[in-house]
Amino acid sequence: MEIGITGERTLTVTKEKLASAVGSGLVDVFSTPMMIAEIEGTAADSVAPFLDAGKTTVGTEVHVSHTAATPEGMHVHIHTELIDIQANGKVLTFKVTATDEVGQIGNGTHTRAIVDAARFMEKVSAKRA
């Protein structure tokens, strides 16, 4: 895995992605939680082909500004770029941007950790015990 890996995703803002639908506000615009979910998914997908078998990434930190509203029906484009890999090789930092058909609607950074998927889920299951 190398710095510079990019991810791209384009989506249409549907009723299910509106702030009024997900409980993050009362207005009918693309919600911040959905923007963050799309950013996380784009970053995860971008590095997945470079992971060893049995490994996955989990989101650990998001520092994102949602700077402009996008109404239902418009398209949103998510772009992620891997900008840092910690010395241990397990923590990845991405520069992220979101734009709609008019301009930028969000930007910031997102951090993901590389984990062993089975071991991670064992720890999660142990919480139920």
Protein backbone atom coordinates (compact mmCIF):
# COMPACT_ATOMS: atom_id res chain seq x y z
CA MET A 1 0.00 0.00 0.00
CA GLU A 2 1.28 3.46 -0.89
CA ILE A 3 0.38 7.07 -0.20
CA GLY A 4 -1.63 8.53 -3.06
CA ILE A 5 -4.31 5.84 -3.43
CA THR A 6 -7.58 7.56 -4.36
CA GLY A 7 -11.21 6.62 -4.10
CA GLU A 8 -14.19 8.02 -6.01
CA ARG A 9 -17.92 7.61 -5.56
CA THR A 10 -20.89 9.43 -7.05
CA LEU A 11 -24.39 9.12 -5.62
CA THR A 12 -27.78 10.69 -6.01
CA VAL A 13 -29.32 12.38 -2.98
CA THR A 14 -32.50 10.39 -2.34
CA LYS A 15 -35.22 10.84 0.27
CA GLU A 16 -33.52 8.23 2.50
CA LYS A 17 -30.32 10.32 2.62
CA LEU A 18 -32.00 13.57 3.76
CA ALA A 19 -31.42 15.06 7.21
CA SER A 20 -35.17 14.92 7.81
CA ALA A 21 -35.16 11.15 7.13
CA VAL A 22 -32.12 10.13 9.20
CA GLY A 23 -32.92 12.24 12.26
CA SER A 24 -30.08 14.72 11.98
CA GLY A 25 -32.30 17.72 11.30
CA LEU A 26 -35.66 18.85 10.04
CA VAL A 27 -34.66 20.06 6.59
CA ASP A 28 -34.81 18.19 3.30
CA VAL A 29 -31.12 18.29 2.37
CA PHE A 30 -28.29 15.73 2.15
CA SER A 31 -27.49 14.82 5.74
CA THR A 32 -24.10 15.11 7.38
CA PRO A 33 -24.27 11.52 8.72
CA MET A 34 -24.87 10.21 5.19
CA MET A 35 -22.01 12.32 3.82
CA ILE A 36 -19.71 10.86 6.47
CA ALA A 37 -20.90 7.30 5.74
CA GLU A 38 -20.19 7.80 2.03
CA ILE A 39 -16.73 9.21 2.82
CA GLU A 40 -15.94 6.23 5.06
CA GLY A 41 -17.15 3.74 2.46
CA THR A 42 -15.17 5.40 -0.32
CA ALA A 43 -11.96 5.40 1.72
CA ALA A 44 -12.45 1.77 2.80
CA ASP A 45 -13.14 0.61 -0.75
CA SER A 46 -10.10 2.44 -2.10
CA VAL A 47 -7.61 0.49 0.01
CA ALA A 48 -9.42 -2.87 0.21
CA PRO A 49 -7.60 -4.33 -2.82
CA PHE A 50 -4.24 -3.65 -1.12
CA LEU A 51 -5.01 -5.48 2.15
CA ASP A 52 -3.75 -8.94 3.03
CA ALA A 53 -6.29 -11.77 3.20
CA GLY A 54 -8.40 -11.60 6.35
CA LYS A 55 -7.70 -7.90 6.90
CA THR A 56 -10.15 -5.02 6.71
CA THR A 57 -10.24 -1.41 7.83
CA VAL A 58 -12.39 0.25 10.46
CA GLY A 59 -13.06 3.95 10.81
CA THR A 60 -11.48 5.53 13.88
CA GLU A 61 -11.70 9.27 13.36
CA VAL A 62 -13.52 11.80 11.20
CA HIS A 63 -12.75 15.52 11.00
CA VAL A 64 -15.11 16.85 8.35
CA SER A 65 -16.84 20.16 7.70
CA HIS A 66 -20.19 20.06 5.90
CA THR A 67 -20.16 23.50 4.31
CA ALA A 68 -23.06 23.60 1.84
CA ALA A 69 -26.51 22.07 1.52
CA THR A 70 -27.49 19.73 -1.31
CA PRO A 71 -31.17 19.15 -2.16
CA GLU A 72 -32.80 15.85 -3.05
CA GLY A 73 -32.16 14.75 -6.62
CA MET A 74 -28.71 16.31 -7.01
CA HIS A 75 -25.54 14.24 -7.42
CA VAL A 76 -22.76 14.19 -4.83
CA HIS A 77 -19.22 13.15 -5.68
CA ILE A 78 -16.91 11.85 -2.93
CA HIS A 79 -13.12 11.89 -3.38
CA THR A 80 -10.64 10.37 -0.93
CA GLU A 81 -6.86 10.34 -1.07
CA LEU A 82 -4.55 8.35 1.20
CA ILE A 83 -2.13 10.97 2.57
CA ASP A 84 -0.44 9.19 5.48
CA ILE A 85 0.42 5.69 6.65
CA GLN A 86 1.68 5.57 10.23
CA ALA A 87 5.06 3.92 10.80
CA ASN A 88 3.37 0.79 12.19
CA GLY A 89 1.57 0.41 8.83
CA LYS A 90 -1.79 -0.02 10.55
CA VAL A 91 -3.25 3.51 10.62
CA LEU A 92 -4.27 5.27 7.41
CA THR A 93 -5.22 8.94 7.02
CA PHE A 94 -7.22 10.24 4.08
CA LYS A 95 -7.87 13.73 2.76
CA VAL A 96 -11.56 13.84 1.81
CA THR A 97 -13.77 16.14 -0.25
CA ALA A 98 -17.41 16.09 -1.24
CA THR A 99 -18.88 18.16 -4.06
CA ASP A 100 -22.27 18.50 -5.66
CA GLU A 101 -23.13 19.85 -9.11
CA VAL A 102 -22.56 23.42 -7.90
CA GLY A 103 -19.34 23.08 -5.89
CA GLN A 104 -17.68 21.80 -2.74
CA ILE A 105 -20.01 20.78 0.09
CA GLY A 106 -17.56 19.18 2.50
CA ASN A 107 -13.91 18.50 3.26
CA GLY A 108 -11.57 17.24 5.94
CA THR A 109 -9.71 14.11 7.00
CA HIS A 110 -10.66 10.56 7.89
CA THR A 111 -8.59 7.91 9.69
CA ARG A 112 -8.95 4.14 9.38
CA ALA A 113 -7.14 1.30 11.15
CA ILE A 114 -6.19 -1.99 9.52
CA VAL A 115 -7.44 -4.92 11.60
CA ASP A 116 -7.73 -8.67 11.38
CA ALA A 117 -11.45 -9.07 10.64
CA ALA A 118 -12.01 -12.33 12.54
CA ARG A 119 -10.08 -11.20 15.61
CA PHE A 120 -11.90 -7.86 15.60
CA MET A 121 -15.30 -9.58 15.52
CA GLU A 122 -14.26 -11.97 18.30
CA LYS A 123 -13.59 -8.95 20.52
CA VAL A 124 -16.94 -7.46 19.57
CA SER A 125 -18.74 -10.73 20.36
CA ALA A 126 -16.96 -10.94 23.73
CA LYS A 127 -18.73 -7.73 24.74
CA ARG A 128 -22.05 -9.59 24.65
CA ALA A 129 -20.88 -12.24 27.10
